[in-house]
Amino acid sequence: MAFPPIDMHCWPAVLSSLFATAREDSARWVAPAYGDGVDELASVVQRLEQLESINAIRDLVATYCWGADHRDLDTWNSVWAPDAIWKVGPARSFVGVAQIRQAVQQQWAAFPAMLHSTANHRVEINGDRATGVADVTVMTQLGDGFGERAGAWVSGGGTYHDAYIRIDGSWYLSKRDVTDDFLHGPTPTFQPAR
């Protein structure tokens, strides 16, 4: 069934008529027994804001991986709060975007290629702050500093223990504590079919 084209100029009149009808009907409207309509709307808005925050934080974690793997320094810098802490081992922490940027550039010099993949990301929102954990698997190509092993790929993984902060409506990493839970040996060398 085909519908006739809609004249967009008539919408103000249509909406005005609908609102007038709604005002007339509102005098007869009774709130549902399950609760007050205002409370229900506030609840929906709160849940929607929480879902939007969780989605933004998950995108932030993916952006972190993208920036690292694609050696995109602007993207890498964009995920960190100004006073963020990046803890990459029991005794190695970097504070502030400048130190974090320098640390990742040293990693890029040591490892010609990396591929991060996160899974099982859990997020807890508390206003403008949040915490999260995500498992990570990383495949890394060893650089020239690894001697005979240069060019080999190794895989490993661990867990990100994160703190996030919302600043001016956007989420940032305020702390990332990386635990290395496992390290595998070199990955098998790919041999194409002949």
N, C-alpha and C. Protein backbone atom coordinates (compact mmCIF):
# COMPACT_ATOMS: atom_id res chain seq x y z
N MET A 1 0.85 -1.17 0.00
CA MET A 1 0.00 0.00 0.00
C MET A 1 0.89 1.24 0.00
N ALA A 2 0.65 2.12 -0.89
CA ALA A 2 1.45 3.34 -0.99
C ALA A 2 0.77 4.46 -0.20
N PHE A 3 1.56 5.26 0.47
CA PHE A 3 1.05 6.40 1.22
C PHE A 3 1.31 7.67 0.44
N PRO A 4 0.38 8.61 0.52
CA PRO A 4 0.61 9.88 -0.19
C PRO A 4 1.76 10.63 0.46
N PRO A 5 2.44 11.48 -0.29
CA PRO A 5 3.52 12.27 0.30
C PRO A 5 3.00 13.17 1.42
N ILE A 6 3.84 13.41 2.41
CA ILE A 6 3.46 14.23 3.56
C ILE A 6 3.92 15.65 3.32
N ASP A 7 3.01 16.58 3.50
CA ASP A 7 3.34 18.00 3.40
C ASP A 7 3.88 18.43 4.75
N MET A 8 5.20 18.67 4.85
CA MET A 8 5.86 18.99 6.11
C MET A 8 5.34 20.31 6.71
N HIS A 9 4.74 21.17 5.89
CA HIS A 9 4.24 22.44 6.40
C HIS A 9 3.00 22.28 7.26
N CYS A 10 2.32 21.12 7.15
CA CYS A 10 1.10 20.93 7.93
C CYS A 10 1.39 20.41 9.33
N TRP A 11 2.62 20.00 9.64
CA TRP A 11 2.93 19.41 10.95
C TRP A 11 2.63 20.33 12.13
N PRO A 12 2.93 21.62 12.08
CA PRO A 12 2.59 22.46 13.24
C PRO A 12 1.11 22.40 13.58
N ALA A 13 0.26 22.41 12.56
CA ALA A 13 -1.19 22.36 12.80
C ALA A 13 -1.59 21.00 13.37
N VAL A 14 -0.99 19.93 12.83
CA VAL A 14 -1.29 18.58 13.31
C VAL A 14 -0.87 18.44 14.76
N LEU A 15 0.35 18.88 15.09
CA LEU A 15 0.83 18.78 16.46
C LEU A 15 0.00 19.63 17.41
N SER A 16 -0.38 20.81 16.98
CA SER A 16 -1.21 21.69 17.81
C SER A 16 -2.53 21.02 18.11
N SER A 17 -3.12 20.39 17.13
CA SER A 17 -4.39 19.67 17.32
C SER A 17 -4.22 18.50 18.29
N LEU A 18 -3.11 17.77 18.13
CA LEU A 18 -2.85 16.63 19.02
C LEU A 18 -2.67 17.10 20.46
N PHE A 19 -1.91 18.18 20.66
CA PHE A 19 -1.69 18.70 22.01
C PHE A 19 -3.00 19.20 22.63
N ALA A 20 -3.86 19.85 21.81
CA ALA A 20 -5.14 20.33 22.33
C ALA A 20 -5.99 19.15 22.78
N THR A 21 -6.01 18.08 21.97
CA THR A 21 -6.75 16.88 22.34
C THR A 21 -6.18 16.27 23.60
N ALA A 22 -4.84 16.24 23.70
CA ALA A 22 -4.20 15.66 24.89
C ALA A 22 -4.55 16.47 26.13
N ARG A 23 -4.60 17.80 26.01
CA ARG A 23 -4.97 18.65 27.16
C ARG A 23 -6.40 18.35 27.61
N GLU A 24 -7.30 18.18 26.64
CA GLU A 24 -8.69 17.87 26.98
C GLU A 24 -8.77 16.50 27.66
N ASP A 25 -8.03 15.54 27.11
CA ASP A 25 -8.05 14.19 27.67
C ASP A 25 -7.37 14.11 29.02
N SER A 26 -6.41 15.01 29.29
CA SER A 26 -5.66 14.91 30.54
C SER A 26 -6.54 15.13 31.76
N ALA A 27 -7.63 15.88 31.58
CA ALA A 27 -8.54 16.08 32.71
C ALA A 27 -9.19 14.77 33.13
N ARG A 28 -9.36 13.86 32.18
CA ARG A 28 -9.98 12.56 32.47
C ARG A 28 -8.95 11.48 32.78
N TRP A 29 -7.64 11.79 32.56
CA TRP A 29 -6.59 10.78 32.71
C TRP A 29 -6.30 10.50 34.18
N VAL A 30 -6.13 9.22 34.50
CA VAL A 30 -5.79 8.79 35.85
C VAL A 30 -4.48 8.04 35.76
N ALA A 31 -3.56 8.35 36.66
CA ALA A 31 -2.26 7.67 36.65
C ALA A 31 -2.45 6.17 36.82
N PRO A 32 -1.67 5.36 36.12
CA PRO A 32 -1.78 3.92 36.27
C PRO A 32 -1.49 3.51 37.71
N ALA A 33 -2.03 2.39 38.10
CA ALA A 33 -1.88 1.91 39.47
C ALA A 33 -0.44 1.62 39.84
N TYR A 34 0.41 1.31 38.86
CA TYR A 34 1.79 0.93 39.18
C TYR A 34 2.67 2.10 39.55
N GLY A 35 2.22 3.31 39.43
CA GLY A 35 3.06 4.42 39.86
C GLY A 35 2.72 5.72 39.18
N ASP A 36 3.37 6.72 39.63
CA ASP A 36 3.18 8.07 39.15
C ASP A 36 3.91 8.24 37.82
N GLY A 37 3.27 8.82 36.83
CA GLY A 37 3.86 8.98 35.51
C GLY A 37 5.15 9.79 35.54
N VAL A 38 5.24 10.78 36.43
CA VAL A 38 6.45 11.59 36.53
C VAL A 38 7.60 10.73 37.02
N ASP A 39 7.34 9.91 38.05
CA ASP A 39 8.39 9.01 38.56
C ASP A 39 8.81 8.01 37.51
N GLU A 40 7.85 7.51 36.75
CA GLU A 40 8.17 6.54 35.69
C GLU A 40 9.05 7.18 34.62
N LEU A 41 8.72 8.39 34.22
CA LEU A 41 9.52 9.10 33.21
C LEU A 41 10.93 9.36 33.74
N ALA A 42 11.03 9.79 34.98
CA ALA A 42 12.35 10.04 35.58
C ALA A 42 13.17 8.75 35.62
N SER A 43 12.52 7.65 35.90
CA SER A 43 13.21 6.36 35.94
C SER A 43 13.73 5.97 34.55
N VAL A 44 12.90 6.19 33.54
CA VAL A 44 13.32 5.88 32.16
C VAL A 44 14.49 6.76 31.76
N VAL A 45 14.43 8.04 32.07
CA VAL A 45 15.52 8.96 31.73
C VAL A 45 16.81 8.54 32.44
N GLN A 46 16.71 8.18 33.71
CA GLN A 46 17.89 7.75 34.47
C GLN A 46 18.50 6.49 33.87
N ARG A 47 17.66 5.53 33.51
CA ARG A 47 18.18 4.28 32.92
C ARG A 47 18.79 4.54 31.55
N LEU A 48 18.18 5.42 30.77
CA LEU A 48 18.73 5.77 29.46
C LEU A 48 20.09 6.44 29.61
N GLU A 49 20.22 7.38 30.56
CA GLU A 49 21.51 8.04 30.80
C GLU A 49 22.57 7.02 31.21
N GLN A 50 22.19 6.05 32.03
CA GLN A 50 23.14 5.02 32.46
C GLN A 50 23.59 4.18 31.27
N LEU A 51 22.65 3.77 30.42
CA LEU A 51 23.01 2.99 29.23
C LEU A 51 23.91 3.79 28.29
N GLU A 52 23.61 5.07 28.12
CA GLU A 52 24.45 5.91 27.26
C GLU A 52 25.86 6.03 27.85
N SER A 53 25.97 6.15 29.17
CA SER A 53 27.28 6.22 29.81
C SER A 53 28.06 4.92 29.63
N ILE A 54 27.40 3.80 29.84
CA ILE A 54 28.06 2.50 29.68
C ILE A 54 28.55 2.35 28.25
N ASN A 55 27.71 2.73 27.28
CA ASN A 55 28.12 2.63 25.88
C ASN A 55 29.30 3.55 25.58
N ALA A 56 29.28 4.76 26.12
CA ALA A 56 30.40 5.70 25.90
C ALA A 56 31.69 5.17 26.51
N ILE A 57 31.59 4.55 27.67
CA ILE A 57 32.79 4.00 28.33
C ILE A 57 33.32 2.80 27.55
N ARG A 58 32.46 1.95 27.07
CA ARG A 58 32.91 0.81 26.25
C ARG A 58 33.58 1.31 24.97
N ASP A 59 33.03 2.37 24.39
CA ASP A 59 33.66 2.96 23.21
C ASP A 59 35.01 3.57 23.56
N LEU A 60 35.12 4.15 24.75
CA LEU A 60 36.39 4.70 25.23
C LEU A 60 37.46 3.62 25.30
N VAL A 61 37.10 2.44 25.82
CA VAL A 61 38.04 1.32 25.92
C VAL A 61 38.45 0.85 24.52
N ALA A 62 37.51 0.79 23.61
CA ALA A 62 37.85 0.41 22.22
C ALA A 62 38.75 1.47 21.58
N THR A 63 38.50 2.74 21.88
CA THR A 63 39.31 3.82 21.33
C THR A 63 40.74 3.75 21.86
N TYR A 64 40.90 3.39 23.12
CA TYR A 64 42.23 3.16 23.70
C TYR A 64 42.98 2.11 22.87
N CYS A 65 42.33 0.98 22.61
CA CYS A 65 42.97 -0.09 21.83
C CYS A 65 43.29 0.38 20.42
N TRP A 66 42.35 1.08 19.78
CA TRP A 66 42.55 1.58 18.42
C TRP A 66 43.75 2.52 18.38
N GLY A 67 43.80 3.46 19.31
CA GLY A 67 44.91 4.41 19.34
C GLY A 67 46.25 3.73 19.51
N ALA A 68 46.30 2.72 20.40
CA ALA A 68 47.55 1.98 20.63
C ALA A 68 47.94 1.18 19.39
N ASP A 69 47.01 0.44 18.84
CA ASP A 69 47.31 -0.46 17.73
C ASP A 69 47.62 0.26 16.43
N HIS A 70 46.99 1.41 16.22
CA HIS A 70 47.18 2.15 14.97
C HIS A 70 48.17 3.30 15.14
N ARG A 71 48.79 3.37 16.32
CA ARG A 71 49.81 4.37 16.60
C ARG A 71 49.31 5.77 16.28
N ASP A 72 48.08 5.99 16.71
CA ASP A 72 47.40 7.26 16.48
C ASP A 72 47.50 8.06 17.78
N LEU A 73 48.48 8.92 17.86
CA LEU A 73 48.77 9.63 19.10
C LEU A 73 47.62 10.56 19.52
N ASP A 74 46.97 11.21 18.56
CA ASP A 74 45.84 12.08 18.91
C ASP A 74 44.71 11.26 19.53
N THR A 75 44.41 10.13 18.93
CA THR A 75 43.37 9.25 19.48
C THR A 75 43.79 8.74 20.84
N TRP A 76 45.04 8.31 20.97
CA TRP A 76 45.56 7.81 22.25
C TRP A 76 45.41 8.88 23.34
N ASN A 77 45.81 10.09 23.04
CA ASN A 77 45.73 11.17 24.02
C ASN A 77 44.28 11.48 24.42
N SER A 78 43.34 11.28 23.50
CA SER A 78 41.95 11.68 23.72
C SER A 78 41.23 10.85 24.77
N VAL A 79 41.76 9.70 25.15
CA VAL A 79 41.05 8.85 26.10
C VAL A 79 41.38 9.16 27.55
N TRP A 80 42.42 9.96 27.80
CA TRP A 80 42.92 10.17 29.15
C TRP A 80 42.44 11.48 29.76
N ALA A 81 42.06 11.42 31.04
CA ALA A 81 41.82 12.65 31.81
C ALA A 81 43.17 13.34 32.01
N PRO A 82 43.20 14.65 32.20
CA PRO A 82 44.49 15.36 32.31
C PRO A 82 45.43 14.81 33.38
N ASP A 83 44.90 14.36 34.51
CA ASP A 83 45.75 13.86 35.59
C ASP A 83 45.67 12.34 35.73
N ALA A 84 45.40 11.66 34.63
CA ALA A 84 45.22 10.21 34.64
C ALA A 84 46.48 9.48 35.10
N ILE A 85 46.26 8.24 35.56
CA ILE A 85 47.36 7.36 35.97
C ILE A 85 47.26 6.08 35.13
N TRP A 86 48.38 5.71 34.51
CA TRP A 86 48.47 4.46 33.74
C TRP A 86 49.49 3.59 34.45
N LYS A 87 49.01 2.55 35.11
CA LYS A 87 49.89 1.64 35.85
C LYS A 87 50.03 0.36 35.03
N VAL A 88 51.24 0.11 34.54
CA VAL A 88 51.47 -1.01 33.64
C VAL A 88 52.26 -2.15 34.28
N GLY A 89 52.45 -2.09 35.55
CA GLY A 89 53.16 -3.14 36.27
C GLY A 89 53.23 -2.76 37.73
N PRO A 90 53.72 -3.66 38.57
CA PRO A 90 53.75 -3.37 40.00
C PRO A 90 54.54 -2.10 40.36
N ALA A 91 55.56 -1.79 39.60
CA ALA A 91 56.39 -0.63 39.95
C ALA A 91 56.49 0.39 38.82
N ARG A 92 55.58 0.32 37.84
CA ARG A 92 55.65 1.25 36.69
C ARG A 92 54.33 1.98 36.53
N SER A 93 54.32 3.24 36.91
CA SER A 93 53.14 4.09 36.75
C SER A 93 53.53 5.37 36.03
N PHE A 94 52.62 5.85 35.23
CA PHE A 94 52.81 7.11 34.51
C PHE A 94 51.64 8.01 34.87
N VAL A 95 51.94 9.26 35.22
CA VAL A 95 50.92 10.19 35.70
C VAL A 95 50.84 11.38 34.75
N GLY A 96 49.64 11.66 34.30
CA GLY A 96 49.42 12.79 33.40
C GLY A 96 49.58 12.38 31.94
N VAL A 97 48.90 13.09 31.07
CA VAL A 97 48.89 12.74 29.65
C VAL A 97 50.30 12.78 29.05
N ALA A 98 51.14 13.73 29.44
CA ALA A 98 52.49 13.83 28.86
C ALA A 98 53.32 12.58 29.15
N GLN A 99 53.31 12.10 30.40
CA GLN A 99 54.07 10.88 30.74
C GLN A 99 53.47 9.66 30.06
N ILE A 100 52.15 9.60 30.01
CA ILE A 100 51.48 8.45 29.38
C ILE A 100 51.80 8.42 27.89
N ARG A 101 51.78 9.58 27.25
CA ARG A 101 52.11 9.68 25.83
C ARG A 101 53.55 9.21 25.57
N GLN A 102 54.48 9.65 26.40
CA GLN A 102 55.88 9.25 26.25
C GLN A 102 56.04 7.74 26.44
N ALA A 103 55.32 7.17 27.40
CA ALA A 103 55.41 5.73 27.65
C ALA A 103 54.90 4.92 26.46
N VAL A 104 53.79 5.32 25.87
CA VAL A 104 53.27 4.55 24.74
C VAL A 104 54.20 4.69 23.53
N GLN A 105 54.82 5.85 23.35
CA GLN A 105 55.76 6.01 22.24
C GLN A 105 56.97 5.10 22.42
N GLN A 106 57.40 4.88 23.66
CA GLN A 106 58.49 3.93 23.92
C GLN A 106 58.04 2.51 23.59
N GLN A 107 56.80 2.17 23.90
CA GLN A 107 56.27 0.85 23.53
C GLN A 107 56.26 0.70 22.01
N TRP A 108 55.80 1.72 21.32
CA TRP A 108 55.75 1.65 19.87
C TRP A 108 57.14 1.47 19.26
N ALA A 109 58.15 2.05 19.89
CA ALA A 109 59.52 1.89 19.38
C ALA A 109 60.01 0.45 19.60
N ALA A 110 59.58 -0.18 20.68
CA ALA A 110 60.04 -1.54 21.00
C ALA A 110 59.25 -2.61 20.25
N PHE A 111 58.00 -2.32 19.94
CA PHE A 111 57.12 -3.31 19.32
C PHE A 111 56.54 -2.73 18.03
N PRO A 112 56.99 -3.21 16.87
CA PRO A 112 56.54 -2.65 15.59
C PRO A 112 55.03 -2.75 15.35
N ALA A 113 54.39 -3.75 15.95
CA ALA A 113 52.95 -3.91 15.75
C ALA A 113 52.32 -4.52 17.00
N MET A 114 51.10 -4.09 17.29
CA MET A 114 50.34 -4.63 18.42
C MET A 114 48.89 -4.78 17.99
N LEU A 115 48.20 -5.71 18.63
CA LEU A 115 46.77 -5.87 18.40
C LEU A 115 46.11 -6.21 19.72
N HIS A 116 45.32 -5.28 20.24
CA HIS A 116 44.61 -5.45 21.51
C HIS A 116 43.17 -5.88 21.24
N SER A 117 42.65 -6.73 22.09
CA SER A 117 41.25 -7.12 22.01
C SER A 117 40.71 -7.26 23.43
N THR A 118 39.65 -6.53 23.75
CA THR A 118 39.08 -6.59 25.09
C THR A 118 37.78 -7.40 25.07
N ALA A 119 37.48 -8.00 26.22
CA ALA A 119 36.26 -8.79 26.37
C ALA A 119 35.81 -8.72 27.82
N ASN A 120 34.57 -9.15 28.05
CA ASN A 120 34.02 -9.26 29.41
C ASN A 120 34.08 -7.93 30.16
N HIS A 121 33.80 -6.84 29.45
CA HIS A 121 33.89 -5.51 30.05
C HIS A 121 32.69 -5.27 30.96
N ARG A 122 32.97 -5.01 32.22
CA ARG A 122 31.95 -4.72 33.23
C ARG A 122 32.12 -3.28 33.68
N VAL A 123 31.02 -2.54 33.80
CA VAL A 123 31.08 -1.13 34.15
C VAL A 123 30.07 -0.85 35.27
N GLU A 124 30.50 -0.07 36.25
CA GLU A 124 29.63 0.41 37.33
C GLU A 124 29.65 1.94 37.30
N ILE A 125 28.48 2.55 37.12
CA ILE A 125 28.37 4.01 37.04
C ILE A 125 27.98 4.56 38.41
N ASN A 126 28.61 5.66 38.81
CA ASN A 126 28.24 6.35 40.03
C ASN A 126 28.34 7.86 39.77
N GLY A 127 27.30 8.41 39.19
CA GLY A 127 27.31 9.83 38.84
C GLY A 127 28.29 10.13 37.73
N ASP A 128 29.23 11.04 37.99
CA ASP A 128 30.24 11.40 36.99
C ASP A 128 31.51 10.58 37.13
N ARG A 129 31.44 9.52 37.90
CA ARG A 129 32.58 8.60 38.05
C ARG A 129 32.09 7.20 37.77
N ALA A 130 33.00 6.34 37.37
CA ALA A 130 32.65 4.95 37.10
C ALA A 130 33.89 4.10 37.27
N THR A 131 33.67 2.81 37.45
CA THR A 131 34.77 1.85 37.50
C THR A 131 34.44 0.74 36.51
N GLY A 132 35.48 0.05 36.10
CA GLY A 132 35.28 -1.05 35.17
C GLY A 132 36.43 -2.02 35.17
N VAL A 133 36.14 -3.22 34.72
CA VAL A 133 37.17 -4.23 34.49
C VAL A 133 36.92 -4.83 33.11
N ALA A 134 37.99 -5.17 32.42
CA ALA A 134 37.89 -5.82 31.11
C ALA A 134 39.09 -6.73 30.94
N ASP A 135 38.84 -7.90 30.42
CA ASP A 135 39.94 -8.79 30.06
C ASP A 135 40.53 -8.32 28.75
N VAL A 136 41.82 -8.51 28.58
CA VAL A 136 42.48 -8.07 27.35
C VAL A 136 43.40 -9.18 26.85
N THR A 137 43.40 -9.38 25.56
CA THR A 137 44.37 -10.24 24.88
C THR A 137 45.17 -9.34 23.96
N VAL A 138 46.49 -9.50 23.98
CA VAL A 138 47.36 -8.65 23.16
C VAL A 138 48.32 -9.53 22.36
N MET A 139 48.36 -9.28 21.07
CA MET A 139 49.38 -9.91 20.22
C MET A 139 50.38 -8.81 19.88
N THR A 140 51.66 -9.11 20.05
CA THR A 140 52.70 -8.10 19.90
C THR A 140 53.83 -8.64 19.04
N GLN A 141 54.29 -7.84 18.10
CA GLN A 141 55.46 -8.20 17.31
C GLN A 141 56.69 -7.62 17.99
N LEU A 142 57.70 -8.46 18.20
CA LEU A 142 58.93 -8.04 18.87
C LEU A 142 59.80 -7.21 17.92
N GLY A 143 60.38 -6.16 18.45
CA GLY A 143 61.21 -5.27 17.65
C GLY A 143 62.67 -5.68 17.63
N ASP A 144 63.51 -4.83 17.03
CA ASP A 144 64.93 -5.11 16.85
C ASP A 144 65.66 -5.33 18.17
N GLY A 145 65.20 -4.73 19.24
CA GLY A 145 65.84 -4.87 20.53
C GLY A 145 65.75 -6.28 21.11
N PHE A 146 65.03 -7.16 20.46
CA PHE A 146 64.87 -8.54 20.94
C PHE A 146 65.80 -9.51 20.22
N GLY A 147 66.79 -8.97 19.50
CA GLY A 147 67.82 -9.80 18.87
C GLY A 147 67.24 -10.80 17.88
N GLU A 148 67.60 -12.07 18.08
CA GLU A 148 67.17 -13.14 17.16
C GLU A 148 65.65 -13.31 17.13
N ARG A 149 65.00 -12.87 18.18
CA ARG A 149 63.54 -13.02 18.24
C ARG A 149 62.82 -11.86 17.55
N ALA A 150 63.56 -10.86 17.07
CA ALA A 150 62.94 -9.71 16.41
C ALA A 150 62.05 -10.19 15.27
N GLY A 151 60.89 -9.61 15.17
CA GLY A 151 59.93 -9.98 14.13
C GLY A 151 58.95 -11.05 14.58
N ALA A 152 59.28 -11.79 15.64
CA ALA A 152 58.38 -12.83 16.13
C ALA A 152 57.18 -12.19 16.81
N TRP A 153 56.08 -12.89 16.79
CA TRP A 153 54.87 -12.44 17.46
C TRP A 153 54.69 -13.23 18.74
N VAL A 154 54.31 -12.55 19.81
CA VAL A 154 53.97 -13.20 21.08
C VAL A 154 52.57 -12.75 21.47
N SER A 155 51.92 -13.56 22.25
CA SER A 155 50.59 -13.17 22.71
C SER A 155 50.53 -13.27 24.22
N GLY A 156 49.73 -12.46 24.79
CA GLY A 156 49.55 -12.45 26.23
C GLY A 156 48.24 -11.80 26.57
N GLY A 157 48.02 -11.62 27.83
CA GLY A 157 46.77 -11.00 28.21
C GLY A 157 46.72 -10.73 29.69
N GLY A 158 45.67 -10.09 30.08
CA GLY A 158 45.49 -9.74 31.47
C GLY A 158 44.16 -9.08 31.68
N THR A 159 44.13 -8.19 32.64
CA THR A 159 42.90 -7.50 32.99
C THR A 159 43.17 -6.01 33.17
N TYR A 160 42.28 -5.21 32.65
CA TYR A 160 42.30 -3.77 32.90
C TYR A 160 41.38 -3.49 34.09
N HIS A 161 41.92 -2.83 35.09
CA HIS A 161 41.12 -2.35 36.23
C HIS A 161 41.08 -0.83 36.07
N ASP A 162 39.91 -0.31 35.74
CA ASP A 162 39.79 1.08 35.32
C ASP A 162 38.97 1.93 36.28
N ALA A 163 39.30 3.22 36.27
CA ALA A 163 38.45 4.26 36.85
C ALA A 163 38.21 5.27 35.74
N TYR A 164 36.97 5.74 35.63
CA TYR A 164 36.59 6.68 34.58
C TYR A 164 36.01 7.93 35.23
N ILE A 165 36.11 9.04 34.51
CA ILE A 165 35.53 10.29 34.99
C ILE A 165 34.85 10.98 33.81
N ARG A 166 33.69 11.60 34.10
CA ARG A 166 32.99 12.37 33.08
C ARG A 166 33.33 13.84 33.29
N ILE A 167 33.88 14.45 32.25
CA ILE A 167 34.25 15.86 32.29
C ILE A 167 33.53 16.55 31.12
N ASP A 168 32.75 17.57 31.44
CA ASP A 168 32.00 18.32 30.41
C ASP A 168 31.22 17.39 29.49
N GLY A 169 30.62 16.34 30.06
CA GLY A 169 29.76 15.45 29.30
C GLY A 169 30.46 14.31 28.59
N SER A 170 31.79 14.23 28.63
CA SER A 170 32.53 13.15 27.96
C SER A 170 33.27 12.31 29.00
N TRP A 171 33.37 11.02 28.73
CA TRP A 171 34.05 10.10 29.64
C TRP A 171 35.52 9.95 29.26
N TYR A 172 36.38 9.82 30.30
CA TYR A 172 37.82 9.65 30.13
C TYR A 172 38.33 8.60 31.12
N LEU A 173 39.45 8.01 30.77
CA LEU A 173 40.15 7.15 31.74
C LEU A 173 40.83 8.04 32.77
N SER A 174 40.54 7.83 34.04
CA SER A 174 41.26 8.56 35.08
C SER A 174 42.34 7.67 35.70
N LYS A 175 42.16 6.34 35.58
CA LYS A 175 43.19 5.41 36.02
C LYS A 175 43.00 4.08 35.30
N ARG A 176 44.10 3.52 34.85
CA ARG A 176 44.10 2.17 34.28
C ARG A 176 45.23 1.41 34.94
N ASP A 177 44.88 0.33 35.61
CA ASP A 177 45.84 -0.56 36.25
C ASP A 177 45.82 -1.86 35.45
N VAL A 178 46.93 -2.14 34.77
CA VAL A 178 47.02 -3.30 33.89
C VAL A 178 47.68 -4.44 34.65
N THR A 179 46.99 -5.58 34.74
CA THR A 179 47.61 -6.77 35.33
C THR A 179 47.88 -7.76 34.21
N ASP A 180 49.09 -8.29 34.18
CA ASP A 180 49.48 -9.30 33.20
C ASP A 180 49.23 -10.67 33.81
N ASP A 181 48.13 -11.27 33.43
CA ASP A 181 47.77 -12.55 34.01
C ASP A 181 48.40 -13.74 33.30
N PHE A 182 48.70 -13.57 32.02
CA PHE A 182 49.31 -14.69 31.31
C PHE A 182 50.13 -14.19 30.13
N LEU A 183 51.12 -14.97 29.78
CA LEU A 183 51.95 -14.68 28.62
C LEU A 183 52.20 -16.00 27.90
N HIS A 184 51.87 -16.02 26.64
CA HIS A 184 52.12 -17.21 25.83
C HIS A 184 53.42 -17.01 25.07
N GLY A 185 53.97 -18.09 24.63
CA GLY A 185 55.17 -18.00 23.80
C GLY A 185 54.84 -17.45 22.43
N PRO A 186 55.80 -17.50 21.55
CA PRO A 186 55.57 -17.00 20.19
C PRO A 186 54.38 -17.70 19.54
N THR A 187 53.68 -16.96 18.71
CA THR A 187 52.57 -17.55 17.97
C THR A 187 53.13 -18.38 16.82
N PRO A 188 52.38 -19.38 16.37
CA PRO A 188 52.89 -20.19 15.27
C PRO A 188 53.09 -19.33 14.02
N THR A 189 54.10 -19.64 13.26
CA THR A 189 54.37 -18.92 12.02
C THR A 189 53.35 -19.36 10.97
N PHE A 190 52.78 -18.41 10.29
CA PHE A 190 51.80 -18.69 9.26
C PHE A 190 52.48 -19.22 8.00
N GLN A 191 52.03 -20.33 7.51
CA GLN A 191 52.53 -20.90 6.26
C GLN A 191 51.37 -20.97 5.27
N PRO A 192 51.39 -20.14 4.24
CA PRO A 192 50.25 -20.18 3.29
C PRO A 192 50.19 -21.51 2.56
N ALA A 193 48.97 -21.90 2.19
CA ALA A 193 48.77 -23.15 1.43
C ALA A 193 49.41 -23.00 0.06
N ARG A 194 49.93 -24.08 -0.43
CA ARG A 194 50.58 -24.05 -1.77
C ARG A 194 49.74 -24.75 -2.77
